[in-house]
Amino acid sequence: MKNIKEVASYDGECGRVKIFRKTISSPEPWIVAHDYDPATETWGWGSYFTTEAEAREHFAEYIKT
């Protein structure tokens, strides 16, 4: 994906989850992406956050399930 950098990744029972940071200016630069489809190499859903701490908290909660 263009203009983003991968920060963290997890592959487990809940599937693939990643944290990305936009490399361009944005009010919500942190993205936690879920529901990766390897067949199409696309993400089905994502949440946007203003801080890294919020993104990491969401990431941690998601991988617990």
Protein backbone atom coordinates (compact mmCIF):
# COMPACT_ATOMS: atom_id res chain seq x y z
CA MET A 1 0.00 0.00 0.00
CA LYS A 2 1.18 3.47 -0.78
CA ASN A 3 1.97 6.12 1.87
CA ILE A 4 1.89 3.74 4.84
CA LYS A 5 4.49 1.88 6.86
CA GLU A 6 3.91 -1.40 8.69
CA VAL A 7 4.58 -1.05 12.44
CA ALA A 8 3.38 -4.35 13.94
CA SER A 9 1.96 -7.64 12.72
CA TYR A 10 0.28 -10.70 14.20
CA ASP A 11 -0.82 -13.93 12.53
CA GLY A 12 -2.83 -16.24 14.75
CA GLU A 13 -6.16 -17.84 15.44
CA CYS A 14 -7.96 -14.55 14.87
CA GLY A 15 -6.29 -14.18 11.47
CA ARG A 16 -3.88 -11.53 10.35
CA VAL A 17 -3.83 -8.16 12.12
CA LYS A 18 -1.44 -5.30 11.37
CA ILE A 19 -0.74 -1.79 12.57
CA PHE A 20 0.17 0.73 9.90
CA ARG A 21 1.21 4.36 10.14
CA LYS A 22 0.44 6.78 7.35
CA THR A 23 3.58 8.48 6.08
CA ILE A 24 1.64 11.54 4.96
CA SER A 25 -0.01 14.11 7.21
CA SER A 26 -3.35 12.91 8.57
CA PRO A 27 -5.56 13.61 11.61
CA GLU A 28 -5.77 9.83 12.18
CA PRO A 29 -2.43 8.42 11.00
CA TRP A 30 -2.64 5.04 12.79
CA ILE A 31 -4.52 2.13 11.18
CA VAL A 32 -5.24 -1.29 12.67
CA ALA A 33 -6.21 -3.59 9.79
CA HIS A 34 -8.18 -6.84 10.21
CA ASP A 35 -9.75 -9.57 8.10
CA TYR A 36 -7.01 -10.04 5.52
CA ASP A 37 -8.02 -12.04 2.44
CA PRO A 38 -4.92 -13.77 1.05
CA ALA A 39 -6.72 -14.67 -2.18
CA THR A 40 -7.18 -11.01 -3.12
CA GLU A 41 -4.41 -9.57 -0.90
CA THR A 42 -6.85 -7.02 0.53
CA TRP A 43 -7.96 -6.01 4.02
CA GLY A 44 -11.64 -6.33 4.87
CA TRP A 45 -11.78 -3.86 7.73
CA GLY A 46 -9.70 -1.26 9.51
CA SER A 47 -9.89 1.13 12.43
CA TYR A 48 -8.24 4.56 12.46
CA PHE A 49 -6.61 6.18 15.51
CA THR A 50 -4.99 9.48 16.38
CA THR A 51 -2.25 8.02 18.61
CA GLU A 52 0.01 4.98 18.53
CA ALA A 53 -1.10 4.04 22.06
CA GLU A 54 -4.76 3.83 20.96
CA ALA A 55 -3.81 1.72 17.96
CA ARG A 56 -1.69 -0.66 20.05
CA GLU A 57 -4.46 -1.02 22.63
CA HIS A 58 -6.98 -1.95 19.92
CA PHE A 59 -4.43 -4.31 18.34
CA ALA A 60 -3.85 -6.05 21.70
CA GLU A 61 -7.58 -6.44 22.34
CA TYR A 62 -8.18 -7.87 18.89
CA ILE A 63 -5.48 -10.55 19.13
CA LYS A 64 -6.77 -11.70 22.54
CA THR A 65 -10.01 -12.98 20.99
